[in-house]
C-alpha atoms as a PDB file:
ATOM      1  CA  MET A   1      58.808  61.007 -94.307  1.00  0.00           C
ATOM      2  CA  GLY A   2      55.560  62.320 -92.599  1.00  0.00           C
ATOM      3  CA  LYS A   3      51.834  61.727 -93.732  1.00  0.00           C
ATOM      4  CA  ARG A   4      50.941  64.108 -96.544  1.00  0.00           C
ATOM      5  CA  VAL A   5      48.156  66.515 -96.329  1.00  0.00           C
ATOM      6  CA  LEU A   6      46.369  68.639 -98.843  1.00  0.00           C
ATOM      7  CA  VAL A   7      44.627  71.513 -97.450  1.00  0.00           C
ATOM      8  CA  VAL A   8      41.594  72.632 -99.499  1.00  0.00           C
ATOM      9  CA  ASP A   9      40.241  75.844 -98.336  1.00  0.00           C
ATOM     10  CA  ASP A  10      39.671  79.268-100.198  1.00  0.00           C
ATOM     11  CA  SER A  11      41.184  80.891 -96.869  1.00  0.00           C
ATOM     12  CA  VAL A  12      44.881  81.302 -96.722  1.00  0.00           C
ATOM     13  CA  PHE A  13      44.570  81.902 -93.005  1.00  0.00           C
ATOM     14  CA  VAL A  14      42.989  78.507 -92.415  1.00  0.00           C
ATOM     15  CA  CYS A  15      45.812  76.929 -94.416  1.00  0.00           C
ATOM     16  CA  GLU A  16      48.358  78.701 -92.461  1.00  0.00           C
ATOM     17  CA  GLU A  17      46.812  77.728 -89.310  1.00  0.00           C
ATOM     18  CA  ILE A  18      46.638  74.001 -90.218  1.00  0.00           C
ATOM     19  CA  LYS A  19      50.344  74.045 -91.204  1.00  0.00           C
ATOM     20  CA  TYR A  20      51.245  75.855 -87.906  1.00  0.00           C
ATOM     21  CA  LEU A  21      49.313  73.199 -85.832  1.00  0.00           C
ATOM     22  CA  LEU A  22      50.725  70.167 -87.733  1.00  0.00           C
ATOM     23  CA  ALA A  23      54.397  71.585 -87.729  1.00  0.00           C
ATOM     24  CA  ASP A  24      55.705  69.213 -85.012  1.00  0.00           C
ATOM     25  CA  THR A  25      53.645  66.212 -85.855  1.00  0.00           C
ATOM     26  CA  GLU A  26      53.913  63.451 -88.314  1.00  0.00           C
ATOM     27  CA  TYR A  27      51.791  65.301 -90.902  1.00  0.00           C
ATOM     28  CA  GLU A  28      52.961  67.717 -93.305  1.00  0.00           C
ATOM     29  CA  VAL A  29      51.035  69.980 -95.543  1.00  0.00           C
ATOM     30  CA  VAL A  30      52.166  69.501 -99.250  1.00  0.00           C
ATOM     31  CA  GLY A  31      49.569  71.417-100.886  1.00  0.00           C
ATOM     32  CA  HIS A  32      47.041  74.219-100.620  1.00  0.00           C
ATOM     33  CA  ALA A  33      43.936  74.447-102.936  1.00  0.00           C
ATOM     34  CA  LYS A  34      41.670  77.369-102.933  1.00  0.00           C
ATOM     35  CA  ASN A  35      38.786  75.956-104.847  1.00  0.00           C
ATOM     36  CA  GLY A  36      37.376  72.618-106.190  1.00  0.00           C
ATOM     37  CA  ALA A  37      39.154  72.483-109.670  1.00  0.00           C
ATOM     38  CA  GLU A  38      42.439  73.399-108.133  1.00  0.00           C
ATOM     39  CA  ALA A  39      42.001  70.654-105.495  1.00  0.00           C
ATOM     40  CA  TYR A  40      41.275  67.896-108.097  1.00  0.00           C
ATOM     41  CA  LYS A  41      44.344  68.724-110.042  1.00  0.00           C
ATOM     42  CA  MET A  42      46.551  68.943-106.779  1.00  0.00           C
ATOM     43  CA  TYR A  43      45.084  65.521-105.425  1.00  0.00           C
ATOM     44  CA  GLU A  44      45.867  63.982-108.824  1.00  0.00           C
ATOM     45  CA  LYS A  45      49.537  65.327-108.912  1.00  0.00           C
ATOM     46  CA  LEU A  46      50.249  64.847-105.142  1.00  0.00           C
ATOM     47  CA  ARG A  47      48.302  61.909-104.296  1.00  0.00           C
ATOM     48  CA  PRO A  48      48.409  62.899-100.540  1.00  0.00           C
ATOM     49  CA  ASP A  49      47.563  60.734 -97.597  1.00  0.00           C
ATOM     50  CA  VAL A  50      44.655  62.835 -96.534  1.00  0.00           C
ATOM     51  CA  VAL A  51      42.814  65.919 -97.555  1.00  0.00           C
ATOM     52  CA  THR A  52      41.083  68.458 -95.270  1.00  0.00           C
ATOM     53  CA  MET A  53      38.159  69.853 -97.291  1.00  0.00           C
ATOM     54  CA  ASP A  54      36.301  73.147 -96.696  1.00  0.00           C
ATOM     55  CA  ILE A  55      32.646  73.103 -97.658  1.00  0.00           C
ATOM     56  CA  LEU A  56      31.854  76.551 -98.949  1.00  0.00           C
ATOM     57  CA  MET A  57      34.422  77.742-101.777  1.00  0.00           C
ATOM     58  CA  PRO A  58      34.058  79.531-105.006  1.00  0.00           C
ATOM     59  CA  GLY A  59      33.144  77.317-107.814  1.00  0.00           C
ATOM     60  CA  LEU A  60      32.513  73.619-106.593  1.00  0.00           C
ATOM     61  CA  THR A  61      31.597  73.123-103.030  1.00  0.00           C
ATOM     62  CA  GLY A  62      33.658  70.793-100.966  1.00  0.00           C
ATOM     63  CA  LEU A  63      31.092  68.090-100.968  1.00  0.00           C
ATOM     64  CA  GLU A  64      31.054  68.267-104.979  1.00  0.00           C
ATOM     65  CA  THR A  65      34.934  68.458-104.963  1.00  0.00           C
ATOM     66  CA  SER A  66      34.978  65.316-102.450  1.00  0.00           C
ATOM     67  CA  GLU A  67      32.528  63.268-104.821  1.00  0.00           C
ATOM     68  CA  LEU A  68      34.708  63.845-107.819  1.00  0.00           C
ATOM     69  CA  ILE A  69      37.899  62.948-105.998  1.00  0.00           C
ATOM     70  CA  LEU A  70      36.154  59.901-104.582  1.00  0.00           C
ATOM     71  CA  GLY A  71      34.692  59.016-107.808  1.00  0.00           C
ATOM     72  CA  LYS A  72      38.014  58.557-109.273  1.00  0.00           C
ATOM     73  CA  TRP A  73      40.221  57.582-106.226  1.00  0.00           C
ATOM     74  CA  LYS A  74      38.139  55.165-103.910  1.00  0.00           C
ATOM     75  CA  ASP A  75      40.778  55.132-101.379  1.00  0.00           C
ATOM     76  CA  ALA A  76      40.926  58.915-100.826  1.00  0.00           C
ATOM     77  CA  LYS A  77      40.836  59.877 -97.278  1.00  0.00           C
ATOM     78  CA  ILE A  78      38.976  63.227 -96.562  1.00  0.00           C
ATOM     79  CA  ALA A  79      38.000  65.059 -93.542  1.00  0.00           C
ATOM     80  CA  ILE A  80      35.594  67.945 -93.877  1.00  0.00           C
ATOM     81  CA  VAL A  81      36.606  71.136 -91.942  1.00  0.00           C
ATOM     82  CA  SER A  82      33.880  73.656 -91.688  1.00  0.00           C
ATOM     83  CA  SER A  83      31.687  75.749 -89.375  1.00  0.00           C
ATOM     84  CA  LEU A  84      28.473  74.366 -91.274  1.00  0.00           C
ATOM     85  CA  ALA A  85      27.360  71.505 -89.001  1.00  0.00           C
ATOM     86  CA  TYR A  86      23.845  71.276 -90.324  1.00  0.00           C
ATOM     87  CA  ASP A  87      22.467  67.542 -90.204  1.00  0.00           C
ATOM     88  CA  GLU A  88      21.898  67.859 -94.003  1.00  0.00           C
ATOM     89  CA  THR A  89      25.469  68.604 -94.738  1.00  0.00           C
ATOM     90  CA  LEU A  90      26.705  65.806 -92.394  1.00  0.00           C
ATOM     91  CA  GLU A  91      24.342  63.405 -94.181  1.00  0.00           C
ATOM     92  CA  GLU A  92      25.575  64.307 -97.544  1.00  0.00           C
ATOM     93  CA  ALA A  93      29.195  63.747 -96.303  1.00  0.00           C
ATOM     94  CA  ALA A  94      28.232  60.487 -94.887  1.00  0.00           C
ATOM     95  CA  ALA A  95      26.505  59.426 -98.180  1.00  0.00           C
ATOM     96  CA  LEU A  96      29.807  59.972 -99.975  1.00  0.00           C
ATOM     97  CA  GLY A  97      31.755  57.822 -97.302  1.00  0.00           C
ATOM     98  CA  ILE A  98      33.160  60.964 -95.308  1.00  0.00           C
ATOM     99  CA  HIS A  99      32.872  60.460 -91.564  1.00  0.00           C
ATOM    100  CA  HIS A 100      35.332  62.946 -90.179  1.00  0.00           C
ATOM    101  CA  PHE A 101      34.165  66.352 -89.691  1.00  0.00           C
ATOM    102  CA  ILE A 102      36.469  69.039 -87.984  1.00  0.00           C
ATOM    103  CA  TYR A 103      34.403  71.964 -86.639  1.00  0.00           C
ATOM    104  CA  LYS A 104      35.669  75.506 -87.222  1.00  0.00           C
ATOM    105  CA  PRO A 105      37.019  77.011 -84.921  1.00  0.00           C
ATOM    106  CA  PHE A 106      39.134  74.039 -84.479  1.00  0.00           C
ATOM    107  CA  GLU A 107      42.159  72.987 -81.998  1.00  0.00           C
ATOM    108  CA  LYS A 108      45.054  71.124 -82.664  1.00  0.00           C
ATOM    109  CA  GLU A 109      43.509  67.971 -81.122  1.00  0.00           C
ATOM    110  CA  ASP A 110      40.533  68.006 -83.300  1.00  0.00           C
ATOM    111  CA  ILE A 111      42.704  67.996 -86.428  1.00  0.00           C
ATOM    112  CA  ILE A 112      45.286  65.334 -85.172  1.00  0.00           C
ATOM    113  CA  GLU A 113      42.320  63.020 -84.052  1.00  0.00           C
ATOM    114  CA  ALA A 114      40.673  63.140 -87.393  1.00  0.00           C
ATOM    115  CA  LEU A 115      43.785  62.621 -89.366  1.00  0.00           C
ATOM    116  CA  ASP A 116      44.784  59.755 -87.169  1.00  0.00           C
ATOM    117  CA  SER A 117      41.740  58.189 -87.385  1.00  0.00           C
ATOM    118  CA  LEU A 118      41.857  58.518 -91.252  1.00  0.00           C
ATOM    119  CA  THR A 119      45.344  57.326 -91.740  1.00  0.00           C
ATOM    120  CA  GLN A 120      45.381  54.534 -89.533  1.00  0.00           C
ATOM    121  CA  GLY A 121      47.504  51.805 -91.368  1.00  0.00           C
ATOM    122  CA  VAL A 122      49.113  54.356 -93.779  1.00  0.00           C
ATOM    123  CA  ASP A 123      52.962  53.962 -93.210  1.00  0.00           C
ATOM    124  CA  ALA A 124      54.499  57.281 -92.366  1.00  0.00           C
END
């Protein structure tokens, strides 16, 4: 069984693109949440190995959602996937313990590198 990925992004296109790029890898997209509330519930249910988290979504932002998830599951592994590369956003993410940022538009290598770094030591 591969490493399980939860994609949190209000764009179905981004989710499908990540699924496509991960298709022949050890990573499997096991869920897609379109907002923070959905992401929290899906994380609780699925307990994925890693989460890709958009920043701007309806309702809770990706950083707010990450804070909720990390507040309950300290071992959660989250990579921010966004075109928002402002220093303030990076600092807020780092303050939460998130140090992996995948910039949109992304390439397969960008995603794999971040997921590999986050999941080192997680058995597939």
